[in-house]
C-alpha cells in the first residue's frame, strides 16, 4: 500500500456532495490544479476525485475508507 500527500480543495467544508464538484473550483482555477495532489472529497462516500486537464473532467482517484456521518444523516 502506498501513502500519498493530498490537498483536499473542499476541505474547509469537510468535503461535500459530488453533485457540487463543479462549484468547488472556478473554471480559471482548473488549470492550476495538480492532478493527484489536489482532490475533491465526496464526504458521503469518502471517494476522492482528481481533475484530469487532458480529459477536462473529474476522475475517481481512490477512497479514504471514511465518511462524514452528519452528511449521511442529512439525506
Protein backbone atom coordinates (compact mmCIF):
# COMPACT_ATOMS: atom_id res chain seq x y z
CA UNK A 1 0.00 0.00 0.00
CA UNK A 2 1.32 3.43 -0.92
CA UNK A 3 0.73 6.60 1.09
CA UNK A 4 0.41 9.94 -0.64
CA UNK A 5 0.18 13.62 0.27
CA UNK A 6 -3.01 15.25 -0.99
CA UNK A 7 -4.69 18.62 -0.71
CA UNK A 8 -8.48 18.49 -0.36
CA UNK A 9 -9.79 21.52 -2.24
CA UNK A 10 -13.13 21.42 -0.42
CA UNK A 11 -11.61 20.61 2.98
CA UNK A 12 -12.87 23.73 4.74
CA UNK A 13 -16.40 22.38 4.30
CA UNK A 14 -15.37 18.85 5.46
CA UNK A 15 -15.90 17.65 1.91
CA UNK A 16 -19.13 17.90 0.02
CA UNK A 17 -21.60 16.26 -2.30
CA UNK A 18 -20.17 15.07 -5.58
CA UNK A 19 -23.07 16.98 -7.21
CA UNK A 20 -21.26 20.19 -6.18
CA UNK A 21 -17.91 19.21 -7.68
CA UNK A 22 -18.12 21.82 -10.47
CA UNK A 23 -18.75 24.57 -7.90
CA UNK A 24 -15.69 23.64 -5.83
CA UNK A 25 -13.24 25.36 -8.17
CA UNK A 26 -13.82 28.11 -10.70
CA UNK A 27 -13.06 27.34 -14.35
CA UNK A 28 -10.00 29.62 -14.27
CA UNK A 29 -8.53 27.61 -11.38
CA UNK A 30 -8.86 24.18 -13.02
CA UNK A 31 -5.63 24.64 -14.97
CA UNK A 32 -3.73 25.34 -11.73
CA UNK A 33 -4.75 22.09 -10.05
CA UNK A 34 -2.05 19.45 -9.78
CA UNK A 35 -3.54 16.09 -10.72
CA UNK A 36 -3.10 13.55 -7.94
CA UNK A 37 -2.37 16.24 -5.34
CA UNK A 38 -5.43 18.49 -5.45
CA UNK A 39 -8.52 16.37 -4.87
CA UNK A 40 -12.25 16.79 -4.25
CA UNK A 41 -13.63 14.79 -1.32
CA UNK A 42 -17.14 13.34 -1.52
CA UNK A 43 -17.89 13.31 2.20
CA UNK A 44 -20.80 10.87 1.88
CA UNK A 45 -18.79 8.01 0.36
CA UNK A 46 -15.19 9.02 1.13
CA UNK A 47 -14.36 8.96 -2.59
CA UNK A 48 -11.60 11.23 -3.91
CA UNK A 49 -11.68 12.82 -7.36
CA UNK A 50 -8.79 14.47 -9.22
CA UNK A 51 -9.20 16.81 -12.18
CA UNK A 52 -7.74 15.49 -15.44
CA UNK A 53 -6.90 18.54 -17.57
CA UNK A 54 -6.34 16.43 -20.66
CA UNK A 55 -9.84 14.91 -20.49
CA UNK A 56 -11.29 18.06 -18.91
CA UNK A 57 -13.17 16.02 -16.34
CA UNK A 58 -13.01 14.85 -12.75
CA UNK A 59 -11.75 11.26 -12.45
CA UNK A 60 -12.09 8.90 -9.46
CA UNK A 61 -8.78 8.62 -7.62
CA UNK A 62 -9.50 6.49 -4.58
CA UNK A 63 -11.39 6.20 -1.33
CA UNK A 64 -10.41 7.24 2.18
CA UNK A 65 -12.38 4.48 3.85
CA UNK A 66 -14.06 7.17 5.98
CA UNK A 67 -17.13 9.33 5.58
CA UNK A 68 -18.73 12.30 7.37
CA UNK A 69 -21.60 10.83 9.39
CA UNK A 70 -23.54 14.13 9.51
CA UNK A 71 -23.62 14.18 5.70
CA UNK A 72 -25.17 10.72 5.70
CA UNK A 73 -27.70 11.73 8.35
CA UNK A 74 -28.81 14.73 6.27
CA UNK A 75 -30.14 12.52 3.45
